[in-house]
Amino acid sequence: MPLHKGAGGGAREEEREARMLSLNPFYGPANPVSGMTSAPPTHRLPDGPLPPSTAYGLVHDELMLDGNSRLNLATFVTTWMEPEAGVLMAECRDKNMIDKDEYPRTAELERRCVAMLADLWNVPDPAAAVGCSTTGSSEACMLAGLALKRRWTQRNADRYPATARPNLVMGINVQVCWDKFCTFWEVEPRLVPMEGDRFHLDPQAAADLCDENTIGVVAVLGSTFDGSYEPVAEICAALDDLQERTGLDIPVHVDGASGAMVAPFVDEDLVWDFRLPRVSSINTSGHKYGLVYPGVGWALWRSAAELPEELIFRVNYLGGDMPTFALNFSRPGAQVVAQYYTFVRLGREGYRAVQQASRDVARRLANRFEALDDFQLLTRGDELPVFAVTTGPGVENFDVFDVSRRLREHGWLVPAYTFPANREDLSVLRVVCRNGFSSDLAELLMEDLDRLLPELRRQPYPLSKDTAAATAFHH
């Protein structure tokens, strides 16, 4: 989560508090005479309570300045669900997911979701699979990384921590949660950089970075940077060859934050999951292409052997015997219920239809960008329903940061950012097509782009050069 500094600006706060509230008797308190006549403080608790309608109006009005989530093409997170799902979530928003003894049916729905994912991801023995819900893929990745590190520690008890430092091999394109994992749990990140037109992990380069201190290799099924799948099967094959040559047995974790809920339905012939013996664990975000509002994720292991017993904690002070493996303790059960609703509501054919529709929209939109001489595609939306585009080689008057800025004026949130090493020279726009981003909305996006391009072409040079340096996911 972002860090927030204290209020500061005391004079500014006093000026704000001195302003009269722009509320009239039709909009403000039921009794305007006894109601508030000045704005409440914003960086300290008010002296007394407000009428509910007034408090609601103040917060509601300020939130109107947020962007429209449906027009946010930066986020992978679900921004639309059926009304029935919203009703279910409201009905159980007060249920604590950790209180499994008090809410046994909610716990049962979580168990069913794990079983459904184990079946979807082809666990050889579904009865042996273990898993849990999380607040999202970041927590799920942390748990998977902890299991990898603990298994490595057990194998190297005679060397660790005195003479050995564990490392984790992955592409430089991994999501920031993996950087956090390595920092928090003192694991050396070994990052394979991008090279030329390869924007994700290279199998042989990954194997070459492995040694006796490698706890695992992370393969990403759906890169955040461009939507492409990493070649999980080829990575496993390179590690198989490494084991034959050196005896090193390196497990693979598949970060399927997005792709693990896309590939099983529209890429059925792609082998990336527990069908590969070297895949030890998989995570996904239920709140991305799992089609649930934030925040729910899932982590699954091939069997209990991949999840060391000492990482599982049992407590009885909530009633019953409650095994738990999570970074968080209390968290809402509503999203887990919504995940189960979506699973039983859609089934395999429903998910296939939804994900195929998103991919179709992404492909058509990518083709529309490609038809413009101003842009060239890096990916086409034919893996994740996501594509990345940069400006064409002859474009000198504007850059992707200008396009992002101008689209924002029309309400569209399209991120512009630079790629990491060794392609810091490459700046792109990325468009995420999710459930709810329809062909009609895609057409409206292109209409707005067509309207602003003539103005961008008349610029003397990219205006972003007059501002601070471009940063990742700037819009």
Protein backbone atom coordinates (compact mmCIF):
# COMPACT_ATOMS: atom_id res chain seq x y z
CA MET A 1 0.00 0.00 0.00
CA PRO A 2 1.21 3.58 -0.54
CA LEU A 3 2.75 5.52 2.28
CA HIS A 4 1.11 8.79 3.32
CA LYS A 5 2.88 11.63 5.07
CA GLY A 6 1.30 13.82 7.73
CA ALA A 7 -0.85 16.81 6.88
CA GLY A 8 1.53 19.75 7.19
CA GLY A 9 0.57 23.16 5.83
CA GLY A 10 -1.02 24.52 9.00
CA ALA A 11 -2.00 27.88 7.44
CA ARG A 12 -3.65 26.12 4.55
CA GLU A 13 -5.63 23.95 6.98
CA GLU A 14 -6.82 26.97 8.94
CA GLU A 15 -7.92 28.66 5.74
CA ARG A 16 -9.82 25.53 4.68
CA GLU A 17 -11.57 25.23 8.05
CA ALA A 18 -12.59 28.89 7.90
CA ARG A 19 -14.44 28.39 4.63
CA MET A 20 -18.21 28.08 4.79
CA LEU A 21 -19.71 24.79 3.70
CA SER A 22 -21.43 25.09 0.31
CA LEU A 23 -24.46 23.20 1.57
CA ASN A 24 -28.00 24.48 1.36
CA PRO A 25 -31.15 23.24 3.16
CA PHE A 26 -31.99 20.93 0.26
CA TYR A 27 -28.58 19.23 0.30
CA GLY A 28 -27.19 19.65 3.78
CA PRO A 29 -28.44 18.68 7.25
CA ALA A 30 -32.11 18.03 7.83
CA ASN A 31 -32.08 20.97 10.26
CA PRO A 32 -29.82 23.63 8.71
CA VAL A 33 -30.13 25.87 11.76
CA SER A 34 -28.53 23.33 14.10
CA GLY A 35 -26.38 21.78 11.39
CA MET A 36 -22.81 22.65 10.46
CA THR A 37 -21.94 26.11 9.17
CA SER A 38 -18.24 25.55 8.43
CA ALA A 39 -16.17 22.85 6.86
CA PRO A 40 -14.94 20.05 9.13
CA PRO A 41 -11.19 19.59 9.70
CA THR A 42 -9.50 17.23 7.28
CA HIS A 43 -6.35 16.26 9.19
CA ARG A 44 -7.70 15.82 12.69
CA LEU A 45 -10.87 14.34 14.12
CA PRO A 46 -13.81 16.76 14.25
CA ASP A 47 -14.94 17.84 17.70
CA GLY A 48 -18.33 16.22 17.30
CA PRO A 49 -20.41 14.00 15.03
CA LEU A 50 -22.06 14.96 11.73
CA PRO A 51 -25.46 13.91 10.46
CA PRO A 52 -25.04 10.76 8.33
CA SER A 53 -26.33 12.47 5.20
CA THR A 54 -23.87 15.33 5.58
CA ALA A 55 -20.90 13.02 6.15
CA TYR A 56 -21.96 10.96 3.16
CA GLY A 57 -22.31 14.03 0.95
CA LEU A 58 -18.88 15.36 1.87
CA VAL A 59 -17.11 12.07 1.13
CA HIS A 60 -19.20 11.30 -1.95
CA ASP A 61 -18.51 14.67 -3.52
CA GLU A 62 -14.76 14.43 -2.98
CA LEU A 63 -14.68 10.96 -4.55
CA MET A 64 -16.32 12.35 -7.68
CA LEU A 65 -12.87 13.66 -8.58
CA ASP A 66 -11.55 10.10 -8.92
CA GLY A 67 -11.28 8.60 -12.37
CA ASN A 68 -14.00 6.36 -13.76
CA SER A 69 -12.86 2.81 -13.01
CA ARG A 70 -14.57 1.43 -16.13
CA LEU A 71 -12.37 3.72 -18.26
CA ASN A 72 -9.21 2.73 -16.38
CA LEU A 73 -7.20 0.77 -18.95
CA ALA A 74 -4.18 0.72 -16.63
CA THR A 75 -5.60 -1.69 -14.08
CA PHE A 76 -5.93 -5.45 -14.38
CA VAL A 77 -8.40 -5.41 -11.49
CA THR A 78 -12.09 -6.21 -12.03
CA THR A 79 -14.24 -3.09 -12.24
CA TRP A 80 -17.66 -4.66 -12.97
CA MET A 81 -19.64 -7.53 -11.50
CA GLU A 82 -23.26 -8.58 -11.76
CA PRO A 83 -25.64 -6.93 -9.26
CA GLU A 84 -26.33 -10.32 -7.64
CA ALA A 85 -22.66 -10.63 -6.75
CA GLY A 86 -22.77 -7.20 -5.14
CA VAL A 87 -25.78 -8.24 -3.06
CA LEU A 88 -23.98 -11.38 -1.86
CA MET A 89 -20.90 -9.37 -0.93
CA ALA A 90 -23.00 -6.88 1.02
CA GLU A 91 -24.73 -9.72 2.87
CA CYS A 92 -21.44 -11.12 4.17
CA ARG A 93 -19.22 -8.05 4.36
CA ASP A 94 -19.18 -8.42 8.14
CA LYS A 95 -17.84 -11.99 8.06
CA ASN A 96 -14.20 -12.46 8.97
CA MET A 97 -12.57 -15.03 6.70
CA ILE A 98 -10.30 -16.19 9.50
CA ASP A 99 -13.19 -17.16 11.79
CA LYS A 100 -13.73 -20.54 10.20
CA ASP A 101 -15.43 -22.02 13.23
CA GLU A 102 -17.94 -19.17 13.45
CA TYR A 103 -18.55 -19.03 9.70
CA PRO A 104 -18.19 -22.66 8.58
CA ARG A 105 -20.10 -22.24 5.31
CA THR A 106 -17.87 -19.38 4.21
CA ALA A 107 -14.87 -21.59 5.03
CA GLU A 108 -16.45 -24.39 3.00
CA LEU A 109 -16.83 -22.11 -0.01
CA GLU A 110 -13.13 -21.24 0.26
CA ARG A 111 -12.27 -24.96 0.33
CA ARG A 112 -14.42 -25.58 -2.75
CA CYS A 113 -12.71 -22.77 -4.63
CA VAL A 114 -9.30 -24.31 -3.87
CA ALA A 115 -10.55 -27.68 -5.13
CA MET A 116 -11.93 -26.11 -8.31
CA LEU A 117 -8.63 -24.36 -9.00
CA ALA A 118 -6.69 -27.58 -8.35
CA ASP A 119 -8.85 -29.30 -10.96
CA LEU A 120 -8.56 -26.36 -13.37
CA TRP A 121 -4.76 -26.33 -13.07
CA ASN A 122 -4.42 -30.10 -13.48
CA VAL A 123 -3.06 -31.14 -10.10
CA PRO A 124 -2.16 -34.84 -10.59
CA ASP A 125 -3.81 -35.81 -7.30
CA PRO A 126 -6.47 -33.19 -6.47
CA ALA A 127 -6.95 -34.72 -3.02
CA ALA A 128 -3.29 -34.00 -2.24
CA ALA A 129 -3.30 -30.36 -3.34
CA VAL A 130 -3.23 -27.65 -0.69
CA GLY A 131 -4.09 -23.99 -1.05
CA CYS A 132 -5.66 -20.93 0.48
CA SER A 133 -7.25 -17.63 -0.35
CA THR A 134 -5.28 -14.42 0.11
CA THR A 135 -5.93 -10.70 -0.21
CA GLY A 136 -4.43 -10.78 -3.70
CA SER A 137 -1.58 -12.14 -5.78
CA SER A 138 1.03 -10.12 -3.91
CA GLU A 139 0.30 -11.98 -0.68
CA ALA A 140 0.02 -15.27 -2.58
CA CYS A 141 3.46 -14.68 -4.13
CA MET A 142 4.93 -13.92 -0.71
CA LEU A 143 3.55 -17.21 0.62
CA ALA A 144 4.85 -19.18 -2.36
CA GLY A 145 8.26 -17.56 -2.01
CA LEU A 146 8.35 -18.35 1.71
CA ALA A 147 7.59 -22.00 0.98
CA LEU A 148 10.40 -22.11 -1.60
CA LYS A 149 12.85 -20.51 0.82
CA ARG A 150 11.90 -22.78 3.72
CA ARG A 151 12.30 -25.91 1.56
CA TRP A 152 15.72 -24.67 0.44
CA THR A 153 16.66 -23.93 4.06
CA GLN A 154 15.73 -27.47 5.08
CA ARG A 155 17.91 -28.90 2.30
CA ASN A 156 20.82 -26.67 3.31
CA ALA A 157 20.56 -26.75 7.09
CA ASP A 158 24.31 -27.39 7.38
CA ARG A 159 25.23 -24.25 5.38
CA TYR A 160 22.51 -21.71 6.12
CA PRO A 161 22.69 -19.01 7.33
CA ALA A 162 26.42 -19.03 8.03
CA THR A 163 27.85 -19.50 4.54
CA ALA A 164 24.94 -19.47 2.09
CA ARG A 165 22.62 -16.76 0.83
CA PRO A 166 19.47 -17.92 -0.97
CA ASN A 167 18.62 -16.47 -4.38
CA LEU A 168 15.55 -16.39 -6.60
CA VAL A 169 15.79 -16.32 -10.41
CA MET A 170 13.23 -14.39 -12.45
CA GLY A 171 12.84 -11.94 -15.32
CA ILE A 172 13.27 -8.25 -14.68
CA ASN A 173 9.66 -7.85 -15.82
CA VAL A 174 8.20 -9.45 -12.66
CA GLN A 175 5.64 -7.56 -10.62
CA VAL A 176 7.01 -5.43 -7.77
CA CYS A 177 5.75 -7.91 -5.16
CA TRP A 178 8.73 -10.14 -6.01
CA ASP A 179 11.14 -7.28 -5.30
CA LYS A 180 9.35 -6.86 -1.98
CA PHE A 181 9.64 -10.56 -1.23
CA CYS A 182 13.38 -10.57 -1.82
CA THR A 183 13.86 -7.45 0.30
CA PHE A 184 11.61 -8.52 3.17
CA TRP A 185 12.97 -12.06 3.45
CA GLU A 186 16.60 -11.42 2.52
CA VAL A 187 16.73 -13.34 -0.72
CA GLU A 188 19.07 -12.28 -3.52
CA PRO A 189 17.08 -11.43 -6.67
CA ARG A 190 18.76 -12.71 -9.81
CA LEU A 191 17.08 -10.87 -12.65
CA VAL A 192 17.32 -11.75 -16.32
CA PRO A 193 17.25 -8.44 -18.22
CA MET A 194 15.29 -7.75 -21.38
CA GLU A 195 17.22 -8.02 -24.63
CA GLY A 196 16.14 -6.65 -28.01
CA ASP A 197 12.61 -7.80 -28.76
CA ARG A 198 12.55 -10.30 -25.87
CA PHE A 199 10.62 -8.65 -23.08
CA HIS A 200 10.43 -11.51 -20.57
CA LEU A 201 12.36 -14.44 -19.10
CA ASP A 202 14.63 -16.49 -21.36
CA PRO A 203 14.74 -20.19 -20.36
CA GLN A 204 18.45 -20.75 -20.84
CA ALA A 205 19.39 -17.44 -19.24
CA ALA A 206 17.31 -18.47 -16.21
CA ALA A 207 19.03 -21.85 -15.95
CA ASP A 208 22.46 -20.21 -16.27
CA LEU A 209 21.77 -18.07 -13.18
CA CYS A 210 20.84 -21.04 -10.98
CA ASP A 211 23.22 -22.57 -8.45
CA GLU A 212 23.07 -24.55 -5.21
CA ASN A 213 21.60 -21.50 -3.43
CA THR A 214 18.69 -20.98 -5.82
CA ILE A 215 15.38 -21.49 -4.04
CA GLY A 216 13.39 -21.47 -7.28
CA VAL A 217 12.60 -19.85 -10.61
CA VAL A 218 9.56 -17.62 -11.09
CA ALA A 219 7.79 -17.88 -14.44
CA VAL A 220 5.14 -15.27 -15.18
CA LEU A 221 2.05 -16.30 -17.10
CA GLY A 222 1.13 -12.87 -18.35
CA SER A 223 3.74 -10.13 -17.99
CA THR A 224 2.53 -6.87 -16.51
CA PHE A 225 4.65 -4.92 -18.98
CA ASP A 226 3.23 -6.24 -22.25
CA GLY A 227 0.72 -9.05 -21.55
CA SER A 228 2.90 -11.83 -22.96
CA TYR A 229 3.16 -15.33 -21.50
CA GLU A 230 6.56 -16.52 -20.36
CA PRO A 231 7.46 -19.96 -21.81
CA VAL A 232 6.85 -22.03 -18.68
CA ALA A 233 7.34 -25.42 -20.37
CA GLU A 234 10.62 -24.30 -21.95
CA ILE A 235 11.84 -22.94 -18.61
CA CYS A 236 11.06 -26.28 -16.98
CA ALA A 237 12.86 -28.11 -19.81
CA ALA A 238 15.97 -25.95 -19.34
CA LEU A 239 15.91 -26.75 -15.61
CA ASP A 240 15.46 -30.45 -16.39
CA ASP A 241 18.61 -30.28 -18.50
CA LEU A 242 20.39 -28.41 -15.69
CA GLN A 243 19.50 -31.18 -13.24
CA GLU A 244 20.79 -33.86 -15.63
CA ARG A 245 24.11 -32.01 -15.92
CA THR A 246 24.62 -30.81 -12.34
CA GLY A 247 22.16 -32.58 -10.08
CA LEU A 248 20.52 -29.27 -9.08
CA ASP A 249 16.77 -29.72 -8.66
CA ILE A 250 15.23 -26.25 -8.95
CA PRO A 251 11.45 -25.88 -8.45
CA VAL A 252 9.32 -23.46 -10.48
CA HIS A 253 6.62 -21.16 -9.19
CA VAL A 254 4.16 -19.86 -11.80
CA ASP A 255 2.98 -16.34 -11.11
CA GLY A 256 -0.34 -16.62 -12.90
CA ALA A 257 -1.79 -13.41 -11.45
CA SER A 258 -3.71 -12.88 -14.68
CA GLY A 259 -2.91 -15.70 -17.09
CA ALA A 260 -3.85 -18.54 -14.76
CA MET A 261 -7.48 -17.47 -15.17
CA VAL A 262 -7.18 -16.93 -18.93
CA ALA A 263 -5.05 -19.75 -20.38
CA PRO A 264 -7.14 -22.68 -19.03
CA PHE A 265 -10.13 -21.40 -20.99
CA VAL A 266 -8.79 -19.96 -24.25
CA ASP A 267 -5.34 -21.62 -24.52
CA GLU A 268 -6.23 -25.17 -23.56
CA ASP A 269 -3.34 -26.72 -25.51
CA LEU A 270 -0.76 -24.60 -23.68
CA VAL A 271 1.05 -26.67 -21.04
CA TRP A 272 2.07 -24.37 -18.21
CA ASP A 273 0.50 -25.72 -15.00
CA PHE A 274 0.84 -28.72 -12.66
CA ARG A 275 1.08 -31.02 -15.70
CA LEU A 276 4.73 -29.98 -15.62
CA PRO A 277 6.33 -31.96 -12.75
CA ARG A 278 8.73 -29.13 -11.95
CA VAL A 279 5.91 -26.67 -11.20
CA SER A 280 5.65 -26.60 -7.42
CA SER A 281 3.10 -23.83 -6.88
CA ILE A 282 0.82 -21.40 -8.71
CA ASN A 283 -0.88 -18.17 -7.70
CA THR A 284 -3.61 -16.10 -9.29
CA SER A 285 -5.60 -12.96 -8.59
CA GLY A 286 -9.26 -13.70 -8.20
CA HIS A 287 -9.78 -9.96 -8.53
CA LYS A 288 -8.16 -9.77 -11.97
CA TYR A 289 -9.28 -12.19 -14.67
CA GLY A 290 -10.89 -14.25 -11.91
CA LEU A 291 -13.63 -11.61 -12.35
CA VAL A 292 -14.12 -10.60 -8.69
CA TYR A 293 -13.90 -7.13 -7.16
CA PRO A 294 -10.64 -6.51 -5.22
CA GLY A 295 -9.20 -8.07 -3.06
CA VAL A 296 -8.89 -11.84 -3.33
CA GLY A 297 -6.06 -14.04 -4.52
CA TRP A 298 -5.24 -17.74 -4.45
CA ALA A 299 -2.12 -19.79 -3.80
CA LEU A 300 -1.95 -23.52 -4.53
CA TRP A 301 0.78 -26.11 -4.03
CA ARG A 302 1.09 -29.42 -5.84
CA SER A 303 0.95 -31.30 -2.54
CA ALA A 304 1.59 -30.86 1.16
CA ALA A 305 5.23 -31.79 0.54
CA GLU A 306 5.74 -28.41 -1.21
CA LEU A 307 4.35 -26.49 1.78
CA PRO A 308 6.48 -27.07 4.89
CA GLU A 309 4.39 -27.86 7.95
CA GLU A 310 6.16 -25.31 10.15
CA LEU A 311 4.73 -22.48 8.03
CA ILE A 312 1.19 -23.50 9.02
CA PHE A 313 -0.09 -22.07 12.28
CA ARG A 314 -2.92 -23.46 14.36
CA VAL A 315 -4.89 -21.42 16.85
CA ASN A 316 -7.92 -22.25 18.94
CA TYR A 317 -8.87 -18.91 20.49
CA LEU A 318 -11.55 -18.30 17.87
CA GLY A 319 -13.08 -21.69 18.54
CA GLY A 320 -12.16 -25.01 16.95
CA ASP A 321 -8.80 -25.98 15.46
CA MET A 322 -7.92 -23.47 12.76
CA PRO A 323 -4.86 -24.09 10.56
CA THR A 324 -3.82 -20.90 8.77
CA PHE A 325 -1.08 -19.92 6.37
CA ALA A 326 -1.24 -16.24 5.50
CA LEU A 327 0.48 -12.94 6.14
CA ASN A 328 -2.81 -11.37 7.18
CA PHE A 329 -5.10 -12.65 9.90
CA SER A 330 -8.49 -10.93 9.81
CA ARG A 331 -9.78 -10.17 6.33
CA PRO A 332 -13.18 -10.03 4.64
CA GLY A 333 -14.96 -13.15 3.49
CA ALA A 334 -17.10 -11.29 0.94
CA GLN A 335 -14.60 -11.60 -1.90
CA VAL A 336 -14.21 -15.35 -1.37
CA VAL A 337 -17.98 -15.72 -1.50
CA ALA A 338 -18.02 -13.63 -4.69
CA GLN A 339 -15.34 -15.89 -6.19
CA TYR A 340 -17.43 -18.98 -5.51
CA TYR A 341 -20.50 -17.23 -6.94
CA THR A 342 -18.58 -16.45 -10.13
CA PHE A 343 -17.26 -20.00 -10.44
CA VAL A 344 -20.70 -21.59 -10.16
CA ARG A 345 -22.38 -18.80 -12.16
CA LEU A 346 -20.10 -19.04 -15.20
CA GLY A 347 -18.56 -22.50 -15.20
CA ARG A 348 -15.90 -23.37 -17.77
CA GLU A 349 -17.97 -22.34 -20.78
CA GLY A 350 -18.94 -19.04 -19.21
CA TYR A 351 -15.33 -18.19 -18.35
CA ARG A 352 -14.29 -19.20 -21.85
CA ALA A 353 -16.85 -16.85 -23.37
CA VAL A 354 -15.87 -13.93 -21.12
CA GLN A 355 -12.12 -14.30 -21.67
CA GLN A 356 -12.50 -14.87 -25.40
CA ALA A 357 -14.62 -11.73 -25.67
CA SER A 358 -11.94 -9.71 -23.85
CA ARG A 359 -9.25 -11.13 -26.12
CA ASP A 360 -11.31 -10.33 -29.22
CA VAL A 361 -11.70 -6.73 -28.09
CA ALA A 362 -7.96 -6.49 -27.38
CA ARG A 363 -7.00 -7.89 -30.78
CA ARG A 364 -9.35 -5.60 -32.69
CA LEU A 365 -8.19 -2.57 -30.73
CA ALA A 366 -4.54 -3.49 -31.28
CA ASN A 367 -5.21 -3.76 -35.01
CA ARG A 368 -6.76 -0.30 -34.97
CA PHE A 369 -3.64 1.13 -33.33
CA GLU A 370 -1.43 -0.69 -35.83
CA ALA A 371 -3.37 0.78 -38.75
CA LEU A 372 -2.26 4.24 -37.64
CA ASP A 373 1.20 5.19 -38.90
CA ASP A 374 1.84 6.89 -35.55
CA PHE A 375 2.16 3.60 -33.62
CA GLN A 376 3.78 0.19 -33.73
CA LEU A 377 2.71 -2.82 -31.69
CA LEU A 378 4.94 -4.76 -29.32
CA THR A 379 2.24 -7.29 -28.42
CA ARG A 380 -1.16 -7.94 -30.00
CA GLY A 381 -3.45 -9.00 -27.13
CA ASP A 382 -3.39 -12.63 -28.28
CA GLU A 383 -2.16 -14.00 -24.93
CA LEU A 384 -3.46 -11.86 -22.08
CA PRO A 385 -6.14 -9.53 -23.44
CA VAL A 386 -3.50 -6.83 -23.09
CA PHE A 387 -1.29 -5.13 -25.64
CA ALA A 388 1.61 -2.71 -25.57
CA VAL A 389 2.26 -0.09 -28.23
CA THR A 390 4.94 2.52 -28.83
CA THR A 391 5.22 5.41 -31.24
CA GLY A 392 6.32 4.69 -34.79
CA PRO A 393 9.93 5.23 -35.90
CA GLY A 394 9.11 8.41 -37.79
CA VAL A 395 7.15 10.12 -35.02
CA GLU A 396 9.07 13.07 -33.57
CA ASN A 397 6.37 15.53 -32.49
CA PHE A 398 4.94 13.53 -29.57
CA ASP A 399 5.58 10.47 -27.45
CA VAL A 400 3.49 7.96 -25.49
CA PHE A 401 3.46 10.23 -22.44
CA ASP A 402 1.78 12.94 -24.50
CA VAL A 403 -0.81 10.44 -25.74
CA SER A 404 -1.50 9.25 -22.19
CA ARG A 405 -1.88 12.84 -20.95
CA ARG A 406 -4.27 13.82 -23.73
CA LEU A 407 -6.39 10.67 -23.39
CA ARG A 408 -6.76 11.44 -19.69
CA GLU A 409 -8.43 14.71 -20.64
CA HIS A 410 -11.19 12.58 -22.18
CA GLY A 411 -11.47 10.35 -19.08
CA TRP A 412 -9.32 7.45 -20.35
CA LEU A 413 -6.59 6.20 -18.00
CA VAL A 414 -3.98 4.62 -20.26
CA PRO A 415 -0.56 4.17 -18.62
CA ALA A 416 2.65 5.25 -20.28
CA TYR A 417 5.95 3.98 -18.89
CA THR A 418 9.49 2.95 -19.73
CA PHE A 419 10.71 -0.65 -19.82
CA PRO A 420 13.40 -1.85 -17.39
CA ALA A 421 16.99 -2.93 -18.14
CA ASN A 422 18.19 -3.41 -20.79
CA ARG A 423 15.38 -1.60 -22.64
CA GLU A 424 15.07 1.65 -20.72
CA ASP A 425 15.08 3.31 -24.15
CA LEU A 426 11.61 1.90 -24.89
CA SER A 427 8.50 3.82 -23.76
CA VAL A 428 5.08 2.30 -24.29
CA LEU A 429 1.36 2.61 -23.78
CA ARG A 430 -0.37 -0.47 -22.37
CA VAL A 431 -4.05 -1.21 -22.82
CA VAL A 432 -5.73 -3.76 -20.51
CA CYS A 433 -9.03 -5.11 -21.86
CA ARG A 434 -11.17 -6.56 -19.06
CA ASN A 435 -14.67 -7.86 -18.68
CA GLY A 436 -16.89 -4.80 -18.99
CA PHE A 437 -14.62 -3.05 -21.53
CA SER A 438 -16.88 -3.63 -24.52
CA SER A 439 -16.41 -3.17 -28.25
CA ASP A 440 -18.50 -0.01 -27.94
CA LEU A 441 -16.14 1.46 -25.34
CA ALA A 442 -13.16 0.48 -27.49
CA GLU A 443 -14.74 2.36 -30.41
CA LEU A 444 -15.20 5.44 -28.21
CA LEU A 445 -11.53 5.24 -27.21
CA MET A 446 -10.46 5.20 -30.86
CA GLU A 447 -12.77 8.12 -31.68
CA ASP A 448 -11.13 10.20 -28.96
CA LEU A 449 -7.67 9.13 -30.12
CA ASP A 450 -8.50 10.11 -33.70
CA ARG A 451 -9.65 13.53 -32.47
CA LEU A 452 -6.48 14.31 -30.52
CA LEU A 453 -3.85 12.91 -32.92
CA PRO A 454 -3.96 15.91 -35.32
CA GLU A 455 -3.14 18.22 -32.40
CA LEU A 456 -0.32 15.95 -31.25
CA ARG A 457 1.15 15.86 -34.75
CA ARG A 458 1.27 19.67 -34.78
CA GLN A 459 3.35 19.86 -31.59
CA PRO A 460 6.92 21.09 -32.13
CA TYR A 461 8.28 18.30 -29.93
CA PRO A 462 7.14 15.89 -27.17
CA LEU A 463 5.86 18.03 -24.31
CA SER A 464 6.92 15.39 -21.78
CA LYS A 465 10.48 16.63 -22.31
CA ASP A 466 9.45 19.83 -20.52
CA THR A 467 8.34 17.93 -17.41
CA ALA A 468 9.98 15.70 -14.83
CA ALA A 469 11.47 12.44 -16.03
CA ALA A 470 8.92 9.84 -17.06
CA THR A 471 8.40 7.07 -14.56
CA ALA A 472 6.80 3.65 -14.60
CA PHE A 473 3.02 3.61 -15.09
CA HIS A 474 2.78 7.37 -15.46
CA HIS A 475 -0.55 8.80 -16.61
